[in-house]
Amino acid sequence: MKTIIATVVGVISGGIAIWIFELIGHIIFHLNFDIDPTNLDEMKLLMFKIPVKSMIAVILAHVLGIIVGMYAATFVEKESFTPLYIVGGLLMLGSVLNLVAIPHPKWFAVTDILVSMIGIYGFLMFRKKA
C-alpha cells in the first residue's frame, strides 16, 4: 500500500512541480505570440518559433519536476525503490507523449529525453548512497 501511495504522491507532486517550473520559465522568457493554445495547428507552427532559451527552461522544468516527484515519493516509501522507478517513468512518459502530440524540434526532443533520463539515474544513484 505504501508503494501505491508513494507513487501517487510522487506523480502528483512532480506534475505540479513541472507546471510551476514551466510557469516560472514562461514568466522569465515571456513569449509574445498571439495564438489559441487549444488549436493544435497553431501550436505545431509555434514550436519552431520559440527561442532556444525558452525551450531550455522547459527541459529544466521537466527534469526538476521529475526529481521533485521522486523526492516526494521517498517521504512516503523510504525502503523500496519501486515508486521512484514508476514516478520517474510516468513523468518521463508524459514528456514523451507531449513530444508525440505536438511536434518539437529534434534537438529539443532528444535533449529533453536524455536530460530526463540523466535526472532519473542521478537521483537513483544519490538515493542509493544516502
Protein backbone atom coordinates (compact mmCIF):
# COMPACT_ATOMS: atom_id res chain seq x y z
CA MET A 1 0.00 0.00 0.00
CA LYS A 2 2.88 2.38 0.77
CA THR A 3 4.23 1.84 -2.73
CA ILE A 4 0.95 2.91 -4.32
CA ILE A 5 0.60 5.96 -2.08
CA ALA A 6 4.24 6.94 -2.68
CA THR A 7 3.74 6.63 -6.43
CA VAL A 8 0.58 8.75 -6.40
CA VAL A 9 2.22 11.39 -4.19
CA GLY A 10 5.29 11.42 -6.43
CA VAL A 11 3.38 11.72 -9.71
CA ILE A 12 1.08 14.46 -8.40
CA SER A 13 3.87 16.48 -6.78
CA GLY A 14 6.11 16.01 -9.81
CA GLY A 15 3.35 17.13 -12.17
CA ILE A 16 2.65 20.19 -10.04
CA ALA A 17 6.38 20.98 -9.87
CA ILE A 18 6.69 20.73 -13.66
CA TRP A 19 3.75 23.09 -14.03
CA ILE A 20 5.25 25.59 -11.56
CA PHE A 21 8.73 25.45 -13.12
CA GLU A 22 7.27 25.87 -16.62
CA LEU A 23 5.18 28.80 -15.39
CA ILE A 24 8.31 30.44 -13.97
CA GLY A 25 10.07 29.87 -17.29
CA HIS A 26 7.15 31.47 -19.17
CA ILE A 27 7.28 34.47 -16.85
CA ILE A 28 11.04 34.90 -17.28
CA PHE A 29 11.01 34.25 -21.03
CA HIS A 30 7.64 35.74 -21.93
CA LEU A 31 6.58 34.94 -25.47
CA ASN A 32 4.54 37.48 -27.39
CA PHE A 33 2.72 35.01 -29.63
CA ASP A 34 -0.98 35.57 -30.02
CA ILE A 35 -2.27 32.03 -30.51
CA ASP A 36 -5.03 29.79 -29.29
CA PRO A 37 -3.32 27.07 -27.18
CA THR A 38 -6.22 24.70 -27.91
CA ASN A 39 -5.54 24.92 -31.67
CA LEU A 40 -3.11 22.10 -32.44
CA ASP A 41 -2.15 23.50 -35.86
CA GLU A 42 -1.12 26.84 -34.33
CA MET A 43 0.82 25.04 -31.58
CA LYS A 44 2.70 22.97 -34.18
CA LEU A 45 3.80 26.13 -36.00
CA LEU A 46 4.73 27.88 -32.76
CA MET A 47 7.12 25.12 -31.61
CA PHE A 48 9.61 26.09 -34.30
CA LYS A 49 9.45 29.82 -33.48
CA ILE A 50 10.13 29.60 -29.74
CA PRO A 51 13.57 30.92 -28.70
CA VAL A 52 16.14 28.36 -27.51
CA LYS A 53 16.28 29.93 -24.01
CA SER A 54 12.58 29.27 -23.53
CA MET A 55 12.90 25.68 -24.67
CA ILE A 56 15.84 25.07 -22.35
CA ALA A 57 13.69 26.40 -19.50
CA VAL A 58 11.06 23.76 -20.36
CA ILE A 59 13.68 20.99 -20.38
CA LEU A 60 14.87 22.13 -16.95
CA ALA A 61 11.25 22.21 -15.73
CA HIS A 62 10.80 18.60 -16.83
CA VAL A 63 13.92 17.26 -15.16
CA LEU A 64 13.41 19.27 -11.97
CA GLY A 65 9.78 18.16 -11.80
CA ILE A 66 10.81 14.52 -12.16
CA ILE A 67 13.37 14.92 -9.37
CA VAL A 68 10.81 16.65 -7.12
CA GLY A 69 8.32 13.83 -7.76
CA MET A 70 10.87 11.14 -6.99
CA TYR A 71 11.99 13.02 -3.87
CA ALA A 72 8.38 13.34 -2.67
CA ALA A 73 7.87 9.60 -3.14
CA THR A 74 10.82 8.90 -0.83
CA PHE A 75 8.99 10.60 2.04
CA VAL A 76 6.21 8.02 1.86
CA GLU A 77 8.25 4.91 0.99
CA LYS A 78 11.75 5.02 2.41
CA GLU A 79 12.78 1.41 1.76
CA SER A 80 11.65 0.46 -1.74
CA PHE A 81 12.91 2.00 -4.96
CA THR A 82 9.86 0.79 -6.90
CA PRO A 83 7.89 4.06 -6.54
CA LEU A 84 10.94 6.00 -7.73
CA TYR A 85 11.15 3.98 -10.94
CA ILE A 86 7.41 4.31 -11.53
CA VAL A 87 7.30 8.06 -10.80
CA GLY A 88 10.33 8.78 -12.97
CA GLY A 89 8.96 6.60 -15.76
CA LEU A 90 5.44 8.05 -15.69
CA LEU A 91 6.60 11.67 -15.63
CA MET A 92 9.05 10.99 -18.45
CA LEU A 93 6.25 9.24 -20.36
CA GLY A 94 4.24 12.46 -20.03
CA SER A 95 7.09 14.35 -21.68
CA VAL A 96 7.31 11.79 -24.48
CA LEU A 97 3.55 11.93 -25.09
CA ASN A 98 3.80 15.71 -25.31
CA LEU A 99 6.60 15.35 -27.86
CA VAL A 100 4.46 12.98 -29.91
CA ALA A 101 1.27 15.08 -29.70
CA ILE A 102 2.96 18.36 -30.62
CA PRO A 103 5.96 18.12 -32.96
CA HIS A 104 9.04 19.78 -31.47
CA PRO A 105 12.46 20.47 -32.96
CA LYS A 106 14.51 17.26 -32.95
CA TRP A 107 17.25 18.75 -30.76
CA PHE A 108 14.64 19.56 -28.13
CA ALA A 109 13.08 16.09 -28.18
CA VAL A 110 16.43 14.32 -27.88
CA THR A 111 17.73 16.69 -25.19
CA ASP A 112 14.50 16.53 -23.17
CA ILE A 113 14.53 12.73 -23.09
CA LEU A 114 18.27 12.45 -22.38
CA VAL A 115 18.27 15.07 -19.61
CA SER A 116 15.22 13.43 -18.02
CA MET A 117 16.95 10.04 -18.10
CA ILE A 118 20.09 11.55 -16.57
CA GLY A 119 17.97 13.18 -13.85
CA ILE A 120 16.25 9.90 -13.02
CA TYR A 121 19.54 7.99 -12.98
CA GLY A 122 21.27 10.70 -10.94
CA PHE A 123 18.52 10.75 -8.33
CA LEU A 124 18.56 6.96 -8.05
CA MET A 125 22.34 6.94 -7.58
CA PHE A 126 22.10 9.73 -4.99
CA ARG A 127 19.34 7.84 -3.17
CA LYS A 128 21.32 4.58 -3.14
CA LYS A 129 24.28 6.29 -1.49
CA ALA A 130 22.15 8.08 1.09
